[in-house]
Structures are given as structure tokens and as C-alpha cells.
PDB file of N, CA and C in Angstrom:
ATOM      1  N   UNK A   1       8.652  25.740   3.448  1.00  0.00           N
ATOM      2  CA  UNK A   1       7.843  24.329   2.789  1.00  0.00           C
ATOM      3  C   UNK A   1       6.059  23.507   2.581  1.00  0.00           C
ATOM      4  N   UNK A   2       5.314  22.784   1.353  1.00  0.00           N
ATOM      5  CA  UNK A   2       4.400  23.098   1.585  1.00  0.00           C
ATOM      6  C   UNK A   2       3.712  21.704   2.114  1.00  0.00           C
ATOM      7  N   UNK A   3       2.563  21.587   3.128  1.00  0.00           N
ATOM      8  CA  UNK A   3       2.676  20.945   3.578  1.00  0.00           C
ATOM      9  C   UNK A   3       1.093  19.837   3.079  1.00  0.00           C
ATOM     10  N   UNK A   4       0.990  18.669   3.019  1.00  0.00           N
ATOM     11  CA  UNK A   4       0.385  17.728   1.938  1.00  0.00           C
ATOM     12  C   UNK A   4      -0.263  17.260   2.442  1.00  0.00           C
ATOM     13  N   UNK A   5      -1.917  16.258   2.027  1.00  0.00           N
ATOM     14  CA  UNK A   5      -2.295  15.671   2.744  1.00  0.00           C
ATOM     15  C   UNK A   5      -3.058  14.477   1.342  1.00  0.00           C
ATOM     16  N   UNK A   6      -2.116  13.193   1.821  1.00  0.00           N
ATOM     17  CA  UNK A   6      -2.352  12.358   0.683  1.00  0.00           C
ATOM     18  C   UNK A   6      -2.687  10.896   1.435  1.00  0.00           C
ATOM     19  N   UNK A   7      -3.929  10.580   0.408  1.00  0.00           N
ATOM     20  CA  UNK A   7      -5.058   9.701   1.044  1.00  0.00           C
ATOM     21  C   UNK A   7      -4.714   8.814  -0.435  1.00  0.00           C
ATOM     22  N   UNK A   8      -4.758   7.067   0.169  1.00  0.00           N
ATOM     23  CA  UNK A   8      -5.151   6.090  -1.067  1.00  0.00           C
ATOM     24  C   UNK A   8      -5.714   4.457  -0.045  1.00  0.00           C
ATOM     25  N   UNK A   9      -5.481   4.084  -1.504  1.00  0.00           N
ATOM     26  CA  UNK A   9      -5.728   2.256  -1.282  1.00  0.00           C
ATOM     27  C   UNK A   9      -5.439   1.500  -1.392  1.00  0.00           C
ATOM     28  N   UNK A  10      -4.850   0.399  -0.923  1.00  0.00           N
ATOM     29  CA  UNK A  10      -3.940  -1.015  -1.679  1.00  0.00           C
ATOM     30  C   UNK A  10      -4.751  -1.608  -2.494  1.00  0.00           C
ATOM     31  N   UNK A  11      -4.345  -1.803  -4.020  1.00  0.00           N
ATOM     32  CA  UNK A  11      -5.872  -2.684  -4.558  1.00  0.00           C
ATOM     33  C   UNK A  11      -5.054  -4.037  -4.107  1.00  0.00           C
ATOM     34  N   UNK A  12      -6.173  -4.882  -4.363  1.00  0.00           N
ATOM     35  CA  UNK A  12      -6.358  -6.307  -3.831  1.00  0.00           C
ATOM     36  C   UNK A  12      -4.689  -7.305  -4.645  1.00  0.00           C
ATOM     37  N   UNK A  13      -4.158  -6.684  -4.948  1.00  0.00           N
ATOM     38  CA  UNK A  13      -3.069  -7.819  -5.712  1.00  0.00           C
ATOM     39  C   UNK A  13      -1.830  -7.148  -5.036  1.00  0.00           C
ATOM     40  N   UNK A  14      -1.926  -5.465  -4.325  1.00  0.00           N
ATOM     41  CA  UNK A  14      -1.290  -5.245  -2.678  1.00  0.00           C
ATOM     42  C   UNK A  14      -1.468  -6.123  -2.397  1.00  0.00           C
ATOM     43  N   UNK A  15      -2.323  -6.111  -1.469  1.00  0.00           N
ATOM     44  CA  UNK A  15      -2.213  -6.874  -0.694  1.00  0.00           C
ATOM     45  C   UNK A  15      -1.944  -8.489  -0.573  1.00  0.00           C
ATOM     46  N   UNK A  16      -2.197  -9.129  -1.103  1.00  0.00           N
ATOM     47  CA  UNK A  16      -2.055 -10.432  -2.247  1.00  0.00           C
ATOM     48  C   UNK A  16      -0.203 -10.190  -1.656  1.00  0.00           C
ATOM     49  N   UNK A  17       0.392  -9.671  -1.798  1.00  0.00           N
ATOM     50  CA  UNK A  17       1.781  -9.555  -1.867  1.00  0.00           C
ATOM     51  C   UNK A  17       2.105  -8.981  -0.731  1.00  0.00           C
ATOM     52  N   UNK A  18       1.222  -8.298   0.148  1.00  0.00           N
ATOM     53  CA  UNK A  18       1.740  -7.975   1.229  1.00  0.00           C
ATOM     54  C   UNK A  18       1.568  -9.331   2.210  1.00  0.00           C
ATOM     55  N   UNK A  19       0.316  -9.807   2.093  1.00  0.00           N
ATOM     56  CA  UNK A  19      -0.256 -11.183   2.842  1.00  0.00           C
ATOM     57  C   UNK A  19       1.060 -12.094   2.570  1.00  0.00           C
ATOM     58  N   UNK A  20       1.812 -11.714   1.226  1.00  0.00           N
ATOM     59  CA  UNK A  20       2.800 -13.597   1.021  1.00  0.00           C
ATOM     60  C   UNK A  20       4.012 -13.181   1.632  1.00  0.00           C
ATOM     61  N   UNK A  21       4.835 -11.809   1.579  1.00  0.00           N
ATOM     62  CA  UNK A  21       5.555 -10.899   2.029  1.00  0.00           C
ATOM     63  C   UNK A  21       5.242  -9.756   2.194  1.00  0.00           C
ATOM     64  N   UNK A  22       5.282  -9.696   3.940  1.00  0.00           N
ATOM     65  CA  UNK A  22       4.414  -8.515   4.685  1.00  0.00           C
ATOM     66  C   UNK A  22       6.410  -7.915   4.245  1.00  0.00           C
ATOM     67  N   UNK A  23       5.881  -6.567   4.495  1.00  0.00           N
ATOM     68  CA  UNK A  23       6.601  -4.971   4.895  1.00  0.00           C
ATOM     69  C   UNK A  23       6.601  -3.956   4.996  1.00  0.00           C
ATOM     70  N   UNK A  24       7.323  -3.438   5.450  1.00  0.00           N
ATOM     71  CA  UNK A  24       7.361  -1.704   6.205  1.00  0.00           C
ATOM     72  C   UNK A  24       6.884  -0.825   4.806  1.00  0.00           C
ATOM     73  N   UNK A  25       5.548  -0.459   4.684  1.00  0.00           N
ATOM     74  CA  UNK A  25       4.657  -0.601   3.397  1.00  0.00           C
ATOM     75  C   UNK A  25       5.777   1.800   4.017  1.00  0.00           C
ATOM     76  N   UNK A  26       5.391   2.161   5.474  1.00  0.00           N
ATOM     77  CA  UNK A  26       5.782   3.022   5.712  1.00  0.00           C
ATOM     78  C   UNK A  26       6.690   3.628   5.558  1.00  0.00           C
ATOM     79  N   UNK A  27       8.290   2.687   6.061  1.00  0.00           N
ATOM     80  CA  UNK A  27       9.787   2.752   4.876  1.00  0.00           C
ATOM     81  C   UNK A  27       9.646   2.999   3.740  1.00  0.00           C
ATOM     82  N   UNK A  28       9.605   2.189   2.505  1.00  0.00           N
ATOM     83  CA  UNK A  28       9.119   2.438   1.384  1.00  0.00           C
ATOM     84  C   UNK A  28       8.514   3.718   0.777  1.00  0.00           C
ATOM     85  N   UNK A  29       7.610   3.716   1.526  1.00  0.00           N
ATOM     86  CA  UNK A  29       7.333   4.854   0.680  1.00  0.00           C
ATOM     87  C   UNK A  29       7.768   6.034   1.119  1.00  0.00           C
ATOM     88  N   UNK A  30       8.964   6.039   2.575  1.00  0.00           N
ATOM     89  CA  UNK A  30       9.338   7.269   3.067  1.00  0.00           C
ATOM     90  C   UNK A  30      10.283   6.997   1.771  1.00  0.00           C
ATOM     91  N   UNK A  31      10.732   6.621   1.470  1.00  0.00           N
ATOM     92  CA  UNK A  31      11.992   5.996   0.322  1.00  0.00           C
ATOM     93  C   UNK A  31      11.797   6.967  -1.010  1.00  0.00           C
ATOM     94  N   UNK A  32      10.013   6.409  -1.630  1.00  0.00           N
ATOM     95  CA  UNK A  32       9.983   6.913  -2.847  1.00  0.00           C
ATOM     96  C   UNK A  32       9.704   8.485  -2.766  1.00  0.00           C
ATOM     97  N   UNK A  33       9.354   9.357  -1.017  1.00  0.00           N
ATOM     98  CA  UNK A  33       9.183  10.774  -1.154  1.00  0.00           C
ATOM     99  C   UNK A  33      10.589  11.462  -0.991  1.00  0.00           C
ATOM    100  N   UNK A  34      11.003  10.837  -0.612  1.00  0.00           N
ATOM    101  CA  UNK A  34      13.137  11.295  -0.349  1.00  0.00           C
ATOM    102  C   UNK A  34      13.069  11.566  -1.706  1.00  0.00           C
ATOM    103  N   UNK A  35      12.835  10.073  -2.698  1.00  0.00           N
ATOM    104  CA  UNK A  35      13.918  10.111  -3.728  1.00  0.00           C
ATOM    105  C   UNK A  35      13.070  11.404  -4.714  1.00  0.00           C
ATOM    106  N   UNK A  36      12.043  11.619  -4.379  1.00  0.00           N
ATOM    107  CA  UNK A  36      11.260  13.209  -4.787  1.00  0.00           C
ATOM    108  C   UNK A  36      11.529  13.983  -4.023  1.00  0.00           C
ATOM    109  N   UNK A  37      12.223  13.941  -3.008  1.00  0.00           N
ATOM    110  CA  UNK A  37      12.959  15.373  -3.042  1.00  0.00           C
ATOM    111  C   UNK A  37      12.348  15.849  -1.729  1.00  0.00           C
ATOM    112  N   UNK A  38      11.070  15.001  -1.130  1.00  0.00           N
ATOM    113  CA  UNK A  38      10.156  15.753   0.355  1.00  0.00           C
ATOM    114  C   UNK A  38      10.195  14.554   1.452  1.00  0.00           C
ATOM    115  N   UNK A  39       9.875  15.178   2.088  1.00  0.00           N
ATOM    116  CA  UNK A  39       9.867  14.132   3.866  1.00  0.00           C
ATOM    117  C   UNK A  39       8.426  13.296   3.863  1.00  0.00           C
ATOM    118  N   UNK A  40       8.631  12.687   3.981  1.00  0.00           N
ATOM    119  CA  UNK A  40       7.289  11.257   5.320  1.00  0.00           C
ATOM    120  C   UNK A  40       7.086  12.132   6.730  1.00  0.00           C
ATOM    121  N   UNK A  41       5.861  12.966   6.695  1.00  0.00           N
ATOM    122  CA  UNK A  41       6.478  13.550   7.813  1.00  0.00           C
ATOM    123  C   UNK A  41       5.475  12.615   8.378  1.00  0.00           C
ATOM    124  N   UNK A  42       4.037  11.814   8.462  1.00  0.00           N
ATOM    125  CA  UNK A  42       3.865  11.079   9.286  1.00  0.00           C
ATOM    126  C   UNK A  42       2.633   9.994   8.186  1.00  0.00           C
ATOM    127  N   UNK A  43       2.601   9.257   8.781  1.00  0.00           N
ATOM    128  CA  UNK A  43       2.630   7.428   7.787  1.00  0.00           C
ATOM    129  C   UNK A  43       1.140   6.629   8.525  1.00  0.00           C
ATOM    130  N   UNK A  44       0.079   6.637   8.082  1.00  0.00           N
ATOM    131  CA  UNK A  44      -0.996   5.823   9.445  1.00  0.00           C
ATOM    132  C   UNK A  44      -1.845   4.929   7.985  1.00  0.00           C
ATOM    133  N   UNK A  45      -2.136   3.511   8.450  1.00  0.00           N
ATOM    134  CA  UNK A  45      -3.363   3.351   7.567  1.00  0.00           C
ATOM    135  C   UNK A  45      -4.307   3.127   8.746  1.00  0.00           C
ATOM    136  N   UNK A  46      -5.620   3.410   7.529  1.00  0.00           N
ATOM    137  CA  UNK A  46      -6.661   3.796   7.763  1.00  0.00           C
ATOM    138  C   UNK A  46      -7.989   2.231   8.168  1.00  0.00           C
ATOM    139  N   UNK A  47      -9.480   3.219   8.805  1.00  0.00           N
ATOM    140  CA  UNK A  47     -10.452   2.367   8.464  1.00  0.00           C
ATOM    141  C   UNK A  47     -11.181   3.482   7.319  1.00  0.00           C
ATOM    142  N   UNK A  48     -11.981   2.390   6.825  1.00  0.00           N
ATOM    143  CA  UNK A  48     -12.960   3.634   6.169  1.00  0.00           C
ATOM    144  C   UNK A  48     -12.925   3.389   5.002  1.00  0.00           C
ATOM    145  N   UNK A  49     -13.440   4.650   4.407  1.00  0.00           N
ATOM    146  CA  UNK A  49     -12.888   5.313   2.574  1.00  0.00           C
ATOM    147  C   UNK A  49     -11.457   5.090   1.951  1.00  0.00           C
ATOM    148  N   UNK A  50     -10.262   4.735   2.930  1.00  0.00           N
ATOM    149  CA  UNK A  50      -9.083   4.994   2.193  1.00  0.00           C
ATOM    150  C   UNK A  50      -7.865   3.872   3.240  1.00  0.00           C
ATOM    151  N   UNK A  51      -7.323   3.246   2.862  1.00  0.00           N
ATOM    152  CA  UNK A  51      -6.236   2.133   3.203  1.00  0.00           C
ATOM    153  C   UNK A  51      -5.793   3.113   3.972  1.00  0.00           C
ATOM    154  N   UNK A  52      -4.633   4.547   3.643  1.00  0.00           N
ATOM    155  CA  UNK A  52      -3.953   4.505   4.171  1.00  0.00           C
ATOM    156  C   UNK A  52      -3.847   6.555   4.711  1.00  0.00           C
ATOM    157  N   UNK A  53      -2.850   7.344   4.892  1.00  0.00           N
ATOM    158  CA  UNK A  53      -3.303   7.928   5.006  1.00  0.00           C
ATOM    159  C   UNK A  53      -1.623   9.610   5.723  1.00  0.00           C
ATOM    160  N   UNK A  54      -1.182   9.736   4.727  1.00  0.00           N
ATOM    161  CA  UNK A  54       0.074  10.728   4.917  1.00  0.00           C
ATOM    162  C   UNK A  54       0.228  12.257   5.045  1.00  0.00           C
ATOM    163  N   UNK A  55       1.300  12.939   6.008  1.00  0.00           N
ATOM    164  CA  UNK A  55       1.047  14.426   5.192  1.00  0.00           C
ATOM    165  C   UNK A  55       2.657  14.524   4.934  1.00  0.00           C
ATOM    166  N   UNK A  56       3.059  15.055   3.922  1.00  0.00           N
ATOM    167  CA  UNK A  56       4.152  14.603   3.101  1.00  0.00           C
ATOM    168  C   UNK A  56       4.497  16.846   3.718  1.00  0.00           C
ATOM    169  N   UNK A  57       6.423  16.789   3.422  1.00  0.00           N
ATOM    170  CA  UNK A  57       6.465  17.862   3.207  1.00  0.00           C
ATOM    171  C   UNK A  57       7.204  18.321   2.165  1.00  0.00           C
ATOM    172  N   UNK A  58       6.662  18.951   1.254  1.00  0.00           N
ATOM    173  CA  UNK A  58       7.484  18.990   0.247  1.00  0.00           C
ATOM    174  C   UNK A  58       7.654  20.936  -0.522  1.00  0.00           C
ATOM    175  N   UNK A  59       8.777  21.216  -0.823  1.00  0.00           N
ATOM    176  CA  UNK A  59       9.218  22.069  -1.872  1.00  0.00           C
ATOM    177  C   UNK A  59       9.047  22.306  -3.639  1.00  0.00           C
ATOM    178  N   UNK A  60       8.835  21.171  -3.676  1.00  0.00           N
ATOM    179  CA  UNK A  60       8.525  21.103  -5.262  1.00  0.00           C
ATOM    180  C   UNK A  60       6.758  20.172  -5.555  1.00  0.00           C
ATOM    181  N   UNK A  61       5.900  20.926  -5.535  1.00  0.00           N
ATOM    182  CA  UNK A  61       4.736  20.019  -5.726  1.00  0.00           C
ATOM    183  C   UNK A  61       4.829  19.192  -7.350  1.00  0.00           C
ATOM    184  N   UNK A  62       5.719  19.557  -8.762  1.00  0.00           N
ATOM    185  CA  UNK A  62       5.966  19.051  -9.138  1.00  0.00           C
ATOM    186  C   UNK A  62       6.790  17.381  -9.180  1.00  0.00           C
ATOM    187  N   UNK A  63       7.449  17.309  -8.236  1.00  0.00           N
ATOM    188  CA  UNK A  63       8.556  16.394  -7.417  1.00  0.00           C
ATOM    189  C   UNK A  63       7.504  14.941  -7.252  1.00  0.00           C
ATOM    190  N   UNK A  64       6.621  16.149  -6.009  1.00  0.00           N
ATOM    191  CA  UNK A  64       5.887  15.335  -5.370  1.00  0.00           C
ATOM    192  C   UNK A  64       4.911  14.235  -6.467  1.00  0.00           C
ATOM    193  N   UNK A  65       3.524  15.194  -7.195  1.00  0.00           N
ATOM    194  CA  UNK A  65       3.074  14.125  -8.310  1.00  0.00           C
ATOM    195  C   UNK A  65       3.784  13.498  -9.546  1.00  0.00           C
ATOM    196  N   UNK A  66       5.097  13.427  -9.538  1.00  0.00           N
ATOM    197  CA  UNK A  66       5.835  12.462 -10.314  1.00  0.00           C
ATOM    198  C   UNK A  66       6.014  10.924  -8.734  1.00  0.00           C
ATOM    199  N   UNK A  67       5.991  11.622  -8.078  1.00  0.00           N
ATOM    200  CA  UNK A  67       6.441  10.124  -6.652  1.00  0.00           C
ATOM    201  C   UNK A  67       4.840   9.825  -7.104  1.00  0.00           C
ATOM    202  N   UNK A  68       3.913  10.285  -6.980  1.00  0.00           N
ATOM    203  CA  UNK A  68       2.798   9.811  -6.829  1.00  0.00           C
ATOM    204  C   UNK A  68       2.544   8.870  -8.451  1.00  0.00           C
ATOM    205  N   UNK A  69       2.652   9.466  -9.351  1.00  0.00           N
ATOM    206  CA  UNK A  69       2.488   8.689 -10.978  1.00  0.00           C
ATOM    207  C   UNK A  69       3.331   7.370 -10.657  1.00  0.00           C
ATOM    208  N   UNK A  70       4.530   7.209  -9.688  1.00  0.00           N
ATOM    209  CA  UNK A  70       5.080   5.963  -9.839  1.00  0.00           C
ATOM    210  C   UNK A  70       4.216   5.464  -8.984  1.00  0.00           C
ATOM    211  N   UNK A  71       3.991   5.602  -7.763  1.00  0.00           N
ATOM    212  CA  UNK A  71       2.936   4.365  -7.003  1.00  0.00           C
ATOM    213  C   UNK A  71       1.841   4.104  -7.519  1.00  0.00           C
ATOM    214  N   UNK A  72       0.846   5.284  -8.086  1.00  0.00           N
ATOM    215  CA  UNK A  72      -0.161   4.440  -8.599  1.00  0.00           C
ATOM    216  C   UNK A  72      -0.055   3.644  -9.985  1.00  0.00           C
ATOM    217  N   UNK A  73       1.475   3.648 -10.624  1.00  0.00           N
ATOM    218  CA  UNK A  73       1.635   3.327 -11.938  1.00  0.00           C
ATOM    219  C   UNK A  73       2.153   1.432 -11.604  1.00  0.00           C
ATOM    220  N   UNK A  74       2.838   1.523 -10.138  1.00  0.00           N
ATOM    221  CA  UNK A  74       2.535   0.349 -10.250  1.00  0.00           C
ATOM    222  C   UNK A  74       2.376  -0.702 -10.512  1.00  0.00           C
ATOM    223  N   UNK A  75       0.930  -0.380 -10.375  1.00  0.00           N
ATOM    224  CA  UNK A  75      -0.887  -0.906  -9.584  1.00  0.00           C
ATOM    225  C   UNK A  75      -0.800  -1.581  -8.337  1.00  0.00           C
ATOM    226  N   UNK A  76       0.117  -0.712  -7.802  1.00  0.00           N
ATOM    227  CA  UNK A  76      -0.215  -1.529  -5.480  1.00  0.00           C
ATOM    228  C   UNK A  76      -1.286  -0.457  -5.144  1.00  0.00           C
ATOM    229  N   UNK A  77      -1.286   1.306  -5.800  1.00  0.00           N
ATOM    230  CA  UNK A  77      -2.360   1.809  -4.906  1.00  0.00           C
ATOM    231  C   UNK A  77      -3.380   2.072  -5.999  1.00  0.00           C
ATOM    232  N   UNK A  78      -4.315   2.533  -5.309  1.00  0.00           N
ATOM    233  CA  UNK A  78      -5.412   3.424  -5.988  1.00  0.00           C
ATOM    234  C   UNK A  78      -5.934   4.234  -5.542  1.00  0.00           C
ATOM    235  N   UNK A  79      -6.406   5.580  -6.136  1.00  0.00           N
ATOM    236  CA  UNK A  79      -7.813   6.159  -5.203  1.00  0.00           C
ATOM    237  C   UNK A  79      -7.043   6.970  -4.976  1.00  0.00           C
ATOM    238  N   UNK A  80      -5.631   7.754  -5.658  1.00  0.00           N
ATOM    239  CA  UNK A  80      -4.217   8.780  -4.506  1.00  0.00           C
ATOM    240  C   UNK A  80      -5.072   9.790  -4.918  1.00  0.00           C
ATOM    241  N   UNK A  81      -5.266  10.889  -3.554  1.00  0.00           N
ATOM    242  CA  UNK A  81      -5.789  12.167  -4.027  1.00  0.00           C
ATOM    243  C   UNK A  81      -4.512  13.146  -2.643  1.00  0.00           C
ATOM    244  N   UNK A  82      -4.307  13.947  -3.771  1.00  0.00           N
ATOM    245  CA  UNK A  82      -3.188  15.317  -2.102  1.00  0.00           C
ATOM    246  C   UNK A  82      -4.435  15.964  -1.791  1.00  0.00           C
ATOM    247  N   UNK A  83      -4.722  17.028  -1.317  1.00  0.00           N
ATOM    248  CA  UNK A  83      -4.677  18.338  -1.091  1.00  0.00           C
ATOM    249  C   UNK A  83      -3.107  19.342  -0.455  1.00  0.00           C
ATOM    250  N   UNK A  84      -3.253  20.368  -0.163  1.00  0.00           N
ATOM    251  CA  UNK A  84      -2.451  21.419   1.020  1.00  0.00           C
ATOM    252  C   UNK A  84      -3.070  21.615   2.123  1.00  0.00           C
ATOM    253  N   UNK A  85      -1.996  21.080   2.499  1.00  0.00           N
ATOM    254  CA  UNK A  85      -2.380  21.604   4.191  1.00  0.00           C
ATOM    255  C   UNK A  85      -1.862  23.032   4.254  1.00  0.00           C
ATOM    256  N   UNK A  86      -2.169  23.875   5.811  1.00  0.00           N
ATOM    257  CA  UNK A  86      -1.927  24.622   6.110  1.00  0.00           C
ATOM    258  C   UNK A  86      -1.297  24.819   7.166  1.00  0.00           C
ATOM    259  N   UNK A  87      -1.250  25.124   8.665  1.00  0.00           N
ATOM    260  CA  UNK A  87      -1.172  25.722  10.200  1.00  0.00           C
ATOM    261  C   UNK A  87      -1.732  26.287  10.199  1.00  0.00           C
ATOM    262  N   UNK A  88      -2.247  26.796  11.589  1.00  0.00           N
ATOM    263  CA  UNK A  88      -3.229  27.144  11.929  1.00  0.00           C
ATOM    264  C   UNK A  88      -2.097  28.487  11.820  1.00  0.00           C
ATOM    265  N   UNK A  89      -1.118  28.841  12.404  1.00  0.00           N
ATOM    266  CA  UNK A  89      -0.419  30.412  11.836  1.00  0.00           C
ATOM    267  C   UNK A  89      -0.193  30.552  10.593  1.00  0.00           C
ATOM    268  N   UNK A  90      -0.426  29.878   9.262  1.00  0.00           N
ATOM    269  CA  UNK A  90      -0.878  29.700   7.919  1.00  0.00           C
ATOM    270  C   UNK A  90      -1.908  30.195   7.746  1.00  0.00           C
ATOM    271  N   UNK A  91      -2.809  30.137   7.801  1.00  0.00           N
ATOM    272  CA  UNK A  91      -4.349  30.193   8.281  1.00  0.00           C
ATOM    273  C   UNK A  91      -4.470  31.822   8.563  1.00  0.00           C
ATOM    274  N   UNK A  92      -4.087  31.811   9.849  1.00  0.00           N
ATOM    275  CA  UNK A  92      -3.804  32.944  10.757  1.00  0.00           C
ATOM    276  C   UNK A  92      -3.364  34.829   9.466  1.00  0.00           C
ATOM    277  N   UNK A  93      -1.937  33.696   9.300  1.00  0.00           N
ATOM    278  CA  UNK A  93      -1.348  35.185   7.843  1.00  0.00           C
ATOM    279  C   UNK A  93      -2.206  34.901   6.794  1.00  0.00           C
ATOM    280  N   UNK A  94      -3.555  34.099   6.481  1.00  0.00           N
ATOM    281  CA  UNK A  94      -4.464  34.198   5.143  1.00  0.00           C
ATOM    282  C   UNK A  94      -5.084  34.784   5.144  1.00  0.00           C
ATOM    283  N   UNK A  95      -5.450  35.362   6.335  1.00  0.00           N
ATOM    284  CA  UNK A  95      -6.870  36.024   7.285  1.00  0.00           C
ATOM    285  C   UNK A  95      -6.542  36.980   7.541  1.00  0.00           C
ATOM    286  N   UNK A  96      -4.998  37.388   7.232  1.00  0.00           N
ATOM    287  CA  UNK A  96      -4.301  38.933   7.166  1.00  0.00           C
ATOM    288  C   UNK A  96      -4.481  39.174   6.423  1.00  0.00           C
ATOM    289  N   UNK A  97      -4.342  38.387   5.284  1.00  0.00           N
ATOM    290  CA  UNK A  97      -3.845  39.105   3.910  1.00  0.00           C
ATOM    291  C   UNK A  97      -5.424  39.383   3.201  1.00  0.00           C
ATOM    292  N   UNK A  98      -6.201  38.610   3.854  1.00  0.00           N
ATOM    293  CA  UNK A  98      -7.848  38.762   2.875  1.00  0.00           C
ATOM    294  C   UNK A  98      -8.018  40.151   3.326  1.00  0.00           C
ATOM    295  N   UNK A  99      -7.919  40.804   4.885  1.00  0.00           N
ATOM    296  CA  UNK A  99      -8.097  41.762   4.985  1.00  0.00           C
ATOM    297  C   UNK A  99      -7.579  42.889   4.525  1.00  0.00           C
ATOM    298  N   UNK A 100      -6.451  42.540   3.627  1.00  0.00           N
ATOM    299  CA  UNK A 100      -5.890  43.799   3.240  1.00  0.00           C
ATOM    300  C   UNK A 100      -6.331  44.088   1.973  1.00  0.00           C
ATOM    301  N   UNK A 101      -6.267  42.902   1.212  1.00  0.00           N
ATOM    302  CA  UNK A 101      -7.330  42.989  -0.003  1.00  0.00           C
ATOM    303  C   UNK A 101      -8.780  42.633  -0.247  1.00  0.00           C
ATOM    304  N   UNK A 102      -9.162  43.050   1.215  1.00  0.00           N
ATOM    305  CA  UNK A 102     -10.561  43.185   0.906  1.00  0.00           C
ATOM    306  C   UNK A 102     -11.221  44.212  -0.183  1.00  0.00           C
ATOM    307  N   UNK A 103     -10.479  44.808   0.365  1.00  0.00           N
ATOM    308  CA  UNK A 103     -10.779  46.479  -0.557  1.00  0.00           C
ATOM    309  C   UNK A 103     -10.800  46.944  -1.872  1.00  0.00           C
ATOM    310  N   UNK A 104     -10.008  45.565  -2.550  1.00  0.00           N
ATOM    311  CA  UNK A 104      -9.676  45.460  -3.905  1.00  0.00           C
ATOM    312  C   UNK A 104     -10.881  44.544  -4.330  1.00  0.00           C
ATOM    313  N   UNK A 105     -12.257  43.929  -3.657  1.00  0.00           N
ATOM    314  CA  UNK A 105     -12.782  42.860  -4.844  1.00  0.00           C
ATOM    315  C   UNK A 105     -13.971  44.164  -4.612  1.00  0.00           C
ATOM    316  N   UNK A 106     -14.606  43.706  -5.529  1.00  0.00           N
ATOM    317  CA  UNK A 106     -16.613  43.954  -5.619  1.00  0.00           C
ATOM    318  C   UNK A 106     -17.031  42.776  -5.944  1.00  0.00           C
ATOM    319  N   UNK A 107     -18.078  42.939  -5.385  1.00  0.00           N
ATOM    320  CA  UNK A 107     -18.814  41.308  -5.770  1.00  0.00           C
ATOM    321  C   UNK A 107     -19.866  41.401  -6.992  1.00  0.00           C
ATOM    322  N   UNK A 108     -19.981  40.548  -7.299  1.00  0.00           N
ATOM    323  CA  UNK A 108     -21.028  40.668  -8.409  1.00  0.00           C
ATOM    324  C   UNK A 108     -22.406  41.555  -7.813  1.00  0.00           C
ATOM    325  N   UNK A 109     -24.110  42.118  -8.525  1.00  0.00           N
ATOM    326  CA  UNK A 109     -24.551  42.555  -7.646  1.00  0.00           C
ATOM    327  C   UNK A 109     -25.660  42.493  -8.673  1.00  0.00           C
TER     328      UNK A 109
END
């Protein structure tokens, strides 16, 4: 299964709603990710450029994109960004694969 890092920010309307009616956003987000067939591995509120960061495991990125569309369409979040992340073991395998295929590439001169 692939792992993804997703970041984003809450809109002003969402923050007003959270102040008026506090809720567990990790639980709500986990339910959305699960509905798309993924698993929320970690969820953090952050300071800086974004309000949250999460690590998600999923086998179907199309369904994960659908979940992100639902979140974005809700008007509660903005600036969603998704990047795939790799474990050190996966990166080691990529290095080995690169060595094995490097002979097939000719750089432009």
C-alpha cells in the first residue's frame, strides 16, 4: 500500500464552526479516509504554512482523491496538498533498481 502526506488549512468558516461546536477532527477525517478505503495513520495540527498534516495509507489513489474532493467541496478546508512518501526500505529498493537500469540511459550531450 502506498503512503501519502496530506497537508491543508481550515477555512475561517470551519474555524468558526469548531469554536461554536468543538469536534474531534481526527475522528471525522479518519472516517472520510476509511470510506475511501484508506487508513489515517497519523493526524497532527500544525503551526506555520498549514493547519494540519496527516499520513494516510491507501491502495487506490483515485478513491483518495475522491475523499479529498469531498473535503475540499465542504468548504471546511483549503490548500490541500498530497505527496507520496516512502520508507527508508522502499528508497533503498529504488536505489538498487536505479543501479540496475542506469546502463539503459544515455544522457544528452
